[in-house]
Amino acid sequence: MNFKEIKIKEILKEFKDGDKNRSLNSLLKLIKGNPDELDLSLIYGKMCLEVNKLDEGKKDWKPNMILDDGGDLTALMQHFIMKMKL
């Protein structure tokens, strides 16, 4: 196990054991040190949901990708983008 995995386990245990604010702050520090690690942001979002801290999210956040599990939406978007480029 690497350092990040060990730290995440410690943070999640602390969160589960009841010190939710401290564990959220620890995770934020880890995110700041690893801004490209999307799994950390996902964990933070789930923790915020659990403690009802939805206002912690960025107010000016805008989606920058489409999540699609079937490919239909992706094909449709590619079709529209190709039309717009012409």
N, C-alpha and C. Protein backbone atom coordinates (compact mmCIF):
# COMPACT_ATOMS: atom_id res chain seq x y z
N MET A 1 0.83 -1.17 0.00
CA MET A 1 0.00 0.00 0.00
C MET A 1 0.88 1.25 0.00
N ASN A 2 0.52 2.22 -0.83
CA ASN A 2 1.32 3.44 -0.86
C ASN A 2 0.81 4.45 0.17
N PHE A 3 1.52 5.57 0.28
CA PHE A 3 1.19 6.58 1.30
C PHE A 3 -0.23 7.10 1.13
N LYS A 4 -0.63 7.39 -0.10
CA LYS A 4 -1.96 7.94 -0.34
C LYS A 4 -3.05 6.98 0.13
N GLU A 5 -2.90 5.71 -0.19
CA GLU A 5 -3.89 4.70 0.22
C GLU A 5 -3.97 4.58 1.74
N ILE A 6 -2.83 4.61 2.38
CA ILE A 6 -2.79 4.53 3.85
C ILE A 6 -3.47 5.75 4.45
N LYS A 7 -3.16 6.93 3.92
CA LYS A 7 -3.75 8.17 4.43
C LYS A 7 -5.27 8.17 4.24
N ILE A 8 -5.75 7.71 3.08
CA ILE A 8 -7.19 7.65 2.82
C ILE A 8 -7.86 6.73 3.83
N LYS A 9 -7.26 5.56 4.08
CA LYS A 9 -7.84 4.63 5.06
C LYS A 9 -7.92 5.27 6.44
N GLU A 10 -6.87 6.00 6.83
CA GLU A 10 -6.87 6.68 8.13
C GLU A 10 -7.99 7.73 8.19
N ILE A 11 -8.13 8.50 7.12
CA ILE A 11 -9.15 9.55 7.07
C ILE A 11 -10.55 8.94 7.14
N LEU A 12 -10.77 7.87 6.38
CA LEU A 12 -12.10 7.23 6.39
C LEU A 12 -12.42 6.61 7.74
N LYS A 13 -11.41 6.04 8.40
CA LYS A 13 -11.64 5.48 9.74
C LYS A 13 -12.00 6.60 10.71
N GLU A 14 -11.27 7.69 10.63
CA GLU A 14 -11.55 8.84 11.50
C GLU A 14 -12.96 9.37 11.25
N PHE A 15 -13.35 9.42 9.99
CA PHE A 15 -14.70 9.89 9.63
C PHE A 15 -15.76 8.96 10.20
N LYS A 16 -15.53 7.66 10.05
CA LYS A 16 -16.48 6.66 10.54
C LYS A 16 -16.58 6.69 12.07
N ASP A 17 -15.45 6.93 12.72
CA ASP A 17 -15.42 6.93 14.18
C ASP A 17 -16.03 8.19 14.79
N GLY A 18 -16.34 9.19 13.96
CA GLY A 18 -17.08 10.33 14.49
C GLY A 18 -16.46 11.70 14.36
N ASP A 19 -15.16 11.79 14.08
CA ASP A 19 -14.53 13.11 13.98
C ASP A 19 -14.61 13.58 12.52
N LYS A 20 -15.81 13.93 12.12
CA LYS A 20 -16.09 14.21 10.71
C LYS A 20 -15.42 15.49 10.22
N ASN A 21 -15.45 16.56 10.99
CA ASN A 21 -14.82 17.81 10.55
C ASN A 21 -13.31 17.67 10.39
N ARG A 22 -12.70 17.00 11.34
CA ARG A 22 -11.25 16.81 11.25
C ARG A 22 -10.88 15.95 10.03
N SER A 23 -11.66 14.91 9.79
CA SER A 23 -11.36 14.05 8.64
C SER A 23 -11.62 14.79 7.32
N LEU A 24 -12.66 15.62 7.27
CA LEU A 24 -12.90 16.42 6.06
C LEU A 24 -11.73 17.37 5.81
N ASN A 25 -11.23 18.01 6.87
CA ASN A 25 -10.08 18.92 6.71
C ASN A 25 -8.82 18.17 6.28
N SER A 26 -8.62 16.98 6.82
CA SER A 26 -7.46 16.16 6.42
C SER A 26 -7.55 15.79 4.95
N LEU A 27 -8.75 15.43 4.52
CA LEU A 27 -8.92 15.06 3.11
C LEU A 27 -8.72 16.27 2.20
N LEU A 28 -9.17 17.44 2.62
CA LEU A 28 -8.94 18.65 1.83
C LEU A 28 -7.45 18.93 1.65
N LYS A 29 -6.68 18.72 2.71
CA LYS A 29 -5.22 18.90 2.61
C LYS A 29 -4.63 17.91 1.61
N LEU A 30 -5.12 16.68 1.66
CA LEU A 30 -4.63 15.66 0.72
C LEU A 30 -5.00 16.02 -0.71
N ILE A 31 -6.21 16.55 -0.90
CA ILE A 31 -6.65 16.96 -2.24
C ILE A 31 -5.78 18.11 -2.75
N LYS A 32 -5.49 19.08 -1.89
CA LYS A 32 -4.65 20.21 -2.31
C LYS A 32 -3.27 19.76 -2.74
N GLY A 33 -2.76 18.71 -2.12
CA GLY A 33 -1.46 18.17 -2.50
C GLY A 33 -1.51 17.27 -3.71
N ASN A 34 -2.70 16.81 -4.08
CA ASN A 34 -2.89 15.90 -5.22
C ASN A 34 -4.10 16.35 -6.03
N PRO A 35 -4.07 17.53 -6.65
CA PRO A 35 -5.26 18.09 -7.29
C PRO A 35 -5.78 17.28 -8.48
N ASP A 36 -4.96 16.45 -9.07
CA ASP A 36 -5.40 15.67 -10.23
C ASP A 36 -6.02 14.33 -9.86
N GLU A 37 -6.04 14.01 -8.58
CA GLU A 37 -6.60 12.73 -8.12
C GLU A 37 -8.11 12.87 -7.94
N LEU A 38 -8.86 12.49 -8.96
CA LEU A 38 -10.31 12.65 -8.93
C LEU A 38 -10.97 11.76 -7.89
N ASP A 39 -10.35 10.63 -7.57
CA ASP A 39 -10.95 9.75 -6.56
C ASP A 39 -11.01 10.44 -5.20
N LEU A 40 -10.06 11.30 -4.90
CA LEU A 40 -10.09 12.03 -3.64
C LEU A 40 -11.26 13.00 -3.60
N SER A 41 -11.49 13.68 -4.71
CA SER A 41 -12.62 14.61 -4.79
C SER A 41 -13.95 13.87 -4.67
N LEU A 42 -14.02 12.69 -5.25
CA LEU A 42 -15.24 11.88 -5.16
C LEU A 42 -15.49 11.47 -3.70
N ILE A 43 -14.45 11.04 -3.02
CA ILE A 43 -14.59 10.66 -1.62
C ILE A 43 -15.03 11.87 -0.80
N TYR A 44 -14.43 13.03 -1.07
CA TYR A 44 -14.80 14.25 -0.34
C TYR A 44 -16.27 14.59 -0.57
N GLY A 45 -16.71 14.49 -1.81
CA GLY A 45 -18.12 14.77 -2.12
C GLY A 45 -19.06 13.84 -1.38
N LYS A 46 -18.72 12.56 -1.33
CA LYS A 46 -19.57 11.59 -0.62
C LYS A 46 -19.58 11.87 0.88
N MET A 47 -18.43 12.27 1.42
CA MET A 47 -18.37 12.60 2.84
C MET A 47 -19.22 13.83 3.13
N CYS A 48 -19.15 14.84 2.27
CA CYS A 48 -19.96 16.05 2.45
C CYS A 48 -21.44 15.72 2.39
N LEU A 49 -21.82 14.83 1.48
CA LEU A 49 -23.22 14.43 1.41
C LEU A 49 -23.67 13.80 2.72
N GLU A 50 -22.81 12.97 3.28
CA GLU A 50 -23.18 12.28 4.51
C GLU A 50 -23.38 13.24 5.68
N VAL A 51 -22.62 14.32 5.71
CA VAL A 51 -22.75 15.26 6.83
C VAL A 51 -23.53 16.51 6.43
N ASN A 52 -24.15 16.46 5.26
CA ASN A 52 -24.99 17.56 4.80
C ASN A 52 -24.22 18.86 4.63
N LYS A 53 -23.02 18.79 4.06
CA LYS A 53 -22.21 19.98 3.83
C LYS A 53 -22.15 20.28 2.33
N LEU A 54 -23.28 20.31 1.70
CA LEU A 54 -23.29 20.54 0.26
C LEU A 54 -22.83 21.94 -0.10
N ASP A 55 -22.94 22.88 0.83
CA ASP A 55 -22.49 24.23 0.56
C ASP A 55 -20.97 24.33 0.48
N GLU A 56 -20.26 23.26 0.84
CA GLU A 56 -18.80 23.25 0.76
C GLU A 56 -18.31 23.20 -0.69
N GLY A 57 -19.18 22.75 -1.59
CA GLY A 57 -18.79 22.65 -2.99
C GLY A 57 -18.60 24.02 -3.61
N LYS A 58 -17.86 24.06 -4.69
CA LYS A 58 -17.64 25.32 -5.38
C LYS A 58 -18.94 25.81 -6.01
N LYS A 59 -19.24 27.05 -5.78
CA LYS A 59 -20.47 27.64 -6.33
C LYS A 59 -20.37 27.87 -7.83
N ASP A 60 -19.17 28.12 -8.32
CA ASP A 60 -19.00 28.44 -9.74
C ASP A 60 -18.59 27.23 -10.58
N TRP A 61 -18.72 26.04 -10.03
CA TRP A 61 -18.33 24.83 -10.75
C TRP A 61 -19.25 24.59 -11.93
N LYS A 62 -18.65 24.24 -13.06
CA LYS A 62 -19.42 23.90 -14.25
C LYS A 62 -18.90 22.56 -14.77
N PRO A 63 -19.79 21.69 -15.19
CA PRO A 63 -19.32 20.39 -15.69
C PRO A 63 -18.47 20.58 -16.94
N ASN A 64 -17.46 19.73 -17.08
CA ASN A 64 -16.59 19.83 -18.25
C ASN A 64 -16.52 18.53 -19.03
N MET A 65 -17.41 17.60 -18.71
CA MET A 65 -17.47 16.36 -19.48
C MET A 65 -18.83 15.71 -19.27
N ILE A 66 -19.14 14.79 -20.15
CA ILE A 66 -20.42 14.09 -20.08
C ILE A 66 -20.13 12.66 -19.64
N LEU A 67 -20.80 12.23 -18.59
CA LEU A 67 -20.68 10.84 -18.16
C LEU A 67 -21.82 10.06 -18.78
N ASP A 68 -21.50 9.01 -19.47
CA ASP A 68 -22.50 8.24 -20.19
C ASP A 68 -22.13 6.78 -20.11
N ASP A 69 -23.08 5.94 -19.80
CA ASP A 69 -22.77 4.52 -19.65
C ASP A 69 -23.17 3.68 -20.86
N GLY A 70 -23.87 4.25 -21.81
CA GLY A 70 -24.33 3.43 -22.92
C GLY A 70 -23.78 3.83 -24.28
N GLY A 71 -23.21 5.00 -24.40
CA GLY A 71 -22.65 5.42 -25.67
C GLY A 71 -23.62 6.21 -26.53
N ASP A 72 -24.92 6.13 -26.25
CA ASP A 72 -25.89 6.83 -27.08
C ASP A 72 -25.74 8.34 -26.97
N LEU A 73 -25.59 8.84 -25.77
CA LEU A 73 -25.44 10.27 -25.57
C LEU A 73 -24.14 10.77 -26.18
N THR A 74 -23.08 9.99 -26.04
CA THR A 74 -21.80 10.37 -26.62
C THR A 74 -21.92 10.50 -28.14
N ALA A 75 -22.55 9.52 -28.77
CA ALA A 75 -22.72 9.57 -30.22
C ALA A 75 -23.56 10.77 -30.63
N LEU A 76 -24.61 11.05 -29.88
CA LEU A 76 -25.46 12.20 -30.17
C LEU A 76 -24.68 13.50 -30.05
N MET A 77 -23.91 13.65 -29.00
CA MET A 77 -23.11 14.86 -28.81
C MET A 77 -22.07 15.01 -29.91
N GLN A 78 -21.43 13.92 -30.29
CA GLN A 78 -20.45 13.99 -31.38
C GLN A 78 -21.12 14.44 -32.67
N HIS A 79 -22.33 13.95 -32.91
CA HIS A 79 -23.09 14.34 -34.10
C HIS A 79 -23.35 15.85 -34.10
N PHE A 80 -23.81 16.38 -32.96
CA PHE A 80 -24.10 17.81 -32.88
C PHE A 80 -22.83 18.66 -32.98
N ILE A 81 -21.76 18.20 -32.35
CA ILE A 81 -20.50 18.94 -32.42
C ILE A 81 -19.99 18.99 -33.84
N MET A 82 -20.08 17.88 -34.56
CA MET A 82 -19.64 17.86 -35.96
C MET A 82 -20.47 18.82 -36.80
N LYS A 83 -21.76 18.89 -36.54
CA LYS A 83 -22.62 19.82 -37.28
C LYS A 83 -22.22 21.27 -36.99
N MET A 84 -21.89 21.54 -35.75
CA MET A 84 -21.53 22.91 -35.37
C MET A 84 -20.22 23.35 -35.98
N LYS A 85 -19.31 22.42 -36.21
CA LYS A 85 -17.99 22.76 -36.77
C LYS A 85 -18.06 23.07 -38.26
N LEU A 86 -19.09 22.57 -38.94
CA LEU A 86 -19.18 22.77 -40.39
C LEU A 86 -19.64 24.14 -40.76
